[in-house]
Amino acid sequence: MRLSLGGTWWLTEFELGEGERQGAFTPNFQLPPERTIPAQVPGVVHLDLMRTGKLPDPFYRLNELVVKWVEEREWWYRRDFEVPAELLSHDAVELVFHGLDTAAT
């Protein structure tokens, strides 16, 4: 059985190391609204930031220098979803992310 998790997620920005320290991985973590935007999965941080007007086109002129700050931050994706009982009846369930870049917690 497959359960698609594509669609709208929430993307939150942290200083390096702060996401884990603040407990962003816990189920009841409150997303800070001033640092959280809707994100599309599959997708990329840069495109989500561009969609919300927080980032200019990185391929235009010298914008590559302007958007460098994105690489110096930590980005956490989050989505709540219901798991069907049929899926929970299995001994093991795999959560697979195709194309995940760098690291995941």
C-alpha atoms as a PDB file:
ATOM      1  CA  MET A   1       0.000   0.000   0.000  1.00  0.00           C
ATOM      2  CA  ARG A   2       1.225   3.502  -0.811  1.00  0.00           C
ATOM      3  CA  LEU A   3       0.250   6.758   0.814  1.00  0.00           C
ATOM      4  CA  SER A   4       1.229   9.874  -1.139  1.00  0.00           C
ATOM      5  CA  LEU A   5       2.470  12.750   0.993  1.00  0.00           C
ATOM      6  CA  GLY A   6       2.848  15.138  -1.928  1.00  0.00           C
ATOM      7  CA  GLY A   7       1.119  18.495  -1.798  1.00  0.00           C
ATOM      8  CA  THR A   8       1.273  21.346   0.690  1.00  0.00           C
ATOM      9  CA  TRP A   9       3.721  21.086   3.569  1.00  0.00           C
ATOM     10  CA  TRP A  10       5.050  23.769   5.936  1.00  0.00           C
ATOM     11  CA  LEU A  11       8.616  25.017   5.617  1.00  0.00           C
ATOM     12  CA  THR A  12      10.272  26.639   8.626  1.00  0.00           C
ATOM     13  CA  GLU A  13      13.577  28.513   8.782  1.00  0.00           C
ATOM     14  CA  PHE A  14      16.030  28.188  11.683  1.00  0.00           C
ATOM     15  CA  GLU A  15      19.550  29.279  12.523  1.00  0.00           C
ATOM     16  CA  LEU A  16      21.911  26.334  12.040  1.00  0.00           C
ATOM     17  CA  GLY A  17      21.359  23.801  14.836  1.00  0.00           C
ATOM     18  CA  GLU A  18      18.286  25.581  16.215  1.00  0.00           C
ATOM     19  CA  GLY A  19      15.587  23.344  14.732  1.00  0.00           C
ATOM     20  CA  GLU A  20      16.654  20.327  16.726  1.00  0.00           C
ATOM     21  CA  ARG A  21      17.460  22.370  19.825  1.00  0.00           C
ATOM     22  CA  GLN A  22      13.965  23.892  19.775  1.00  0.00           C
ATOM     23  CA  GLY A  23      12.331  20.495  19.223  1.00  0.00           C
ATOM     24  CA  ALA A  24      11.035  21.027  15.682  1.00  0.00           C
ATOM     25  CA  PHE A  25      10.885  17.234  15.313  1.00  0.00           C
ATOM     26  CA  THR A  26       8.323  16.777  18.108  1.00  0.00           C
ATOM     27  CA  PRO A  27       4.639  16.237  17.250  1.00  0.00           C
ATOM     28  CA  ASN A  28       3.358  19.243  19.216  1.00  0.00           C
ATOM     29  CA  PHE A  29       5.993  21.742  18.097  1.00  0.00           C
ATOM     30  CA  GLN A  30       4.359  25.096  17.354  1.00  0.00           C
ATOM     31  CA  LEU A  31       5.550  26.426  14.005  1.00  0.00           C
ATOM     32  CA  PRO A  32       6.746  30.033  14.357  1.00  0.00           C
ATOM     33  CA  PRO A  33       4.447  31.878  11.903  1.00  0.00           C
ATOM     34  CA  GLU A  34       6.992  34.604  11.141  1.00  0.00           C
ATOM     35  CA  ARG A  35       9.435  31.957   9.842  1.00  0.00           C
ATOM     36  CA  THR A  36       7.005  29.450   8.291  1.00  0.00           C
ATOM     37  CA  ILE A  37       5.639  29.381   4.745  1.00  0.00           C
ATOM     38  CA  PRO A  38       3.580  26.898   2.711  1.00  0.00           C
ATOM     39  CA  ALA A  39       5.802  24.600   0.662  1.00  0.00           C
ATOM     40  CA  GLN A  40       5.194  22.207  -2.220  1.00  0.00           C
ATOM     41  CA  VAL A  41       6.498  18.647  -2.053  1.00  0.00           C
ATOM     42  CA  PRO A  42       8.147  17.510  -4.169  1.00  0.00           C
ATOM     43  CA  GLY A  43       9.965  20.798  -4.443  1.00  0.00           C
ATOM     44  CA  VAL A  44      12.895  22.898  -3.303  1.00  0.00           C
ATOM     45  CA  VAL A  45      13.361  25.561  -0.638  1.00  0.00           C
ATOM     46  CA  HIS A  46      14.374  28.219  -3.184  1.00  0.00           C
ATOM     47  CA  LEU A  47      11.170  27.775  -5.215  1.00  0.00           C
ATOM     48  CA  ASP A  48       8.975  27.941  -2.111  1.00  0.00           C
ATOM     49  CA  LEU A  49      10.703  31.148  -1.017  1.00  0.00           C
ATOM     50  CA  MET A  50      10.295  32.607  -4.514  1.00  0.00           C
ATOM     51  CA  ARG A  51       6.568  31.690  -4.560  1.00  0.00           C
ATOM     52  CA  THR A  52       6.019  33.643  -1.344  1.00  0.00           C
ATOM     53  CA  GLY A  53       8.057  36.650  -2.502  1.00  0.00           C
ATOM     54  CA  LYS A  54      10.811  36.114   0.070  1.00  0.00           C
ATOM     55  CA  LEU A  55      13.470  35.426  -2.554  1.00  0.00           C
ATOM     56  CA  PRO A  56      14.264  36.910  -5.976  1.00  0.00           C
ATOM     57  CA  ASP A  57      15.052  34.685  -8.963  1.00  0.00           C
ATOM     58  CA  PRO A  58      18.542  33.338  -8.121  1.00  0.00           C
ATOM     59  CA  PHE A  59      19.391  32.980 -11.827  1.00  0.00           C
ATOM     60  CA  TYR A  60      18.775  36.636 -12.668  1.00  0.00           C
ATOM     61  CA  ARG A  61      21.862  38.847 -12.927  1.00  0.00           C
ATOM     62  CA  LEU A  62      23.809  38.830  -9.648  1.00  0.00           C
ATOM     63  CA  ASN A  63      20.959  37.509  -7.506  1.00  0.00           C
ATOM     64  CA  GLU A  64      23.017  34.420  -6.736  1.00  0.00           C
ATOM     65  CA  LEU A  65      24.903  36.611  -4.265  1.00  0.00           C
ATOM     66  CA  VAL A  66      21.659  37.959  -2.778  1.00  0.00           C
ATOM     67  CA  VAL A  67      20.205  34.481  -2.097  1.00  0.00           C
ATOM     68  CA  LYS A  68      23.325  32.967  -0.530  1.00  0.00           C
ATOM     69  CA  TRP A  69      21.767  33.342   2.945  1.00  0.00           C
ATOM     70  CA  VAL A  70      19.425  30.425   2.149  1.00  0.00           C
ATOM     71  CA  GLU A  71      22.373  28.009   2.258  1.00  0.00           C
ATOM     72  CA  GLU A  72      23.387  29.335   5.664  1.00  0.00           C
ATOM     73  CA  ARG A  73      20.063  28.454   7.307  1.00  0.00           C
ATOM     74  CA  GLU A  74      18.388  25.249   8.393  1.00  0.00           C
ATOM     75  CA  TRP A  75      15.092  24.348   6.686  1.00  0.00           C
ATOM     76  CA  TRP A  76      12.508  21.991   8.193  1.00  0.00           C
ATOM     77  CA  TYR A  77       9.568  20.581   6.262  1.00  0.00           C
ATOM     78  CA  ARG A  78       6.520  19.477   8.224  1.00  0.00           C
ATOM     79  CA  ARG A  79       3.164  17.933   7.425  1.00  0.00           C
ATOM     80  CA  ASP A  80       0.512  16.249   9.524  1.00  0.00           C
ATOM     81  CA  PHE A  81      -1.251  13.263   7.989  1.00  0.00           C
ATOM     82  CA  GLU A  82      -3.501  10.382   8.947  1.00  0.00           C
ATOM     83  CA  VAL A  83      -2.139   6.867   8.576  1.00  0.00           C
ATOM     84  CA  PRO A  84      -4.776   4.332   7.497  1.00  0.00           C
ATOM     85  CA  ALA A  85      -5.320   1.428   9.921  1.00  0.00           C
ATOM     86  CA  GLU A  86      -4.491  -1.014   7.107  1.00  0.00           C
ATOM     87  CA  LEU A  87      -1.002   0.448   6.880  1.00  0.00           C
ATOM     88  CA  LEU A  88      -0.475   0.265  10.638  1.00  0.00           C
ATOM     89  CA  SER A  89      -1.320  -3.445  10.627  1.00  0.00           C
ATOM     90  CA  HIS A  90       2.039  -4.250   8.970  1.00  0.00           C
ATOM     91  CA  ASP A  91       5.094  -5.292  10.997  1.00  0.00           C
ATOM     92  CA  ALA A  92       7.182  -2.634   9.276  1.00  0.00           C
ATOM     93  CA  VAL A  93       6.335   0.556   7.405  1.00  0.00           C
ATOM     94  CA  GLU A  94       8.854   2.448   5.271  1.00  0.00           C
ATOM     95  CA  LEU A  95       8.825   6.197   4.864  1.00  0.00           C
ATOM     96  CA  VAL A  96      10.566   6.923   1.552  1.00  0.00           C
ATOM     97  CA  PHE A  97      11.659  10.355   0.340  1.00  0.00           C
ATOM     98  CA  HIS A  98      12.826  10.428  -3.269  1.00  0.00           C
ATOM     99  CA  GLY A  99      15.430  13.087  -3.930  1.00  0.00           C
ATOM    100  CA  LEU A 100      15.935  14.252  -0.351  1.00  0.00           C
ATOM    101  CA  ASP A 101      18.968  16.537  -0.234  1.00  0.00           C
ATOM    102  CA  THR A 102      21.602  16.439   2.516  1.00  0.00           C
ATOM    103  CA  ALA A 103      19.938  15.149   5.721  1.00  0.00           C
ATOM    104  CA  ALA A 104      16.621  14.275   7.290  1.00  0.00           C
ATOM    105  CA  THR A 105      15.515  13.712  10.856  1.00  0.00           C
END
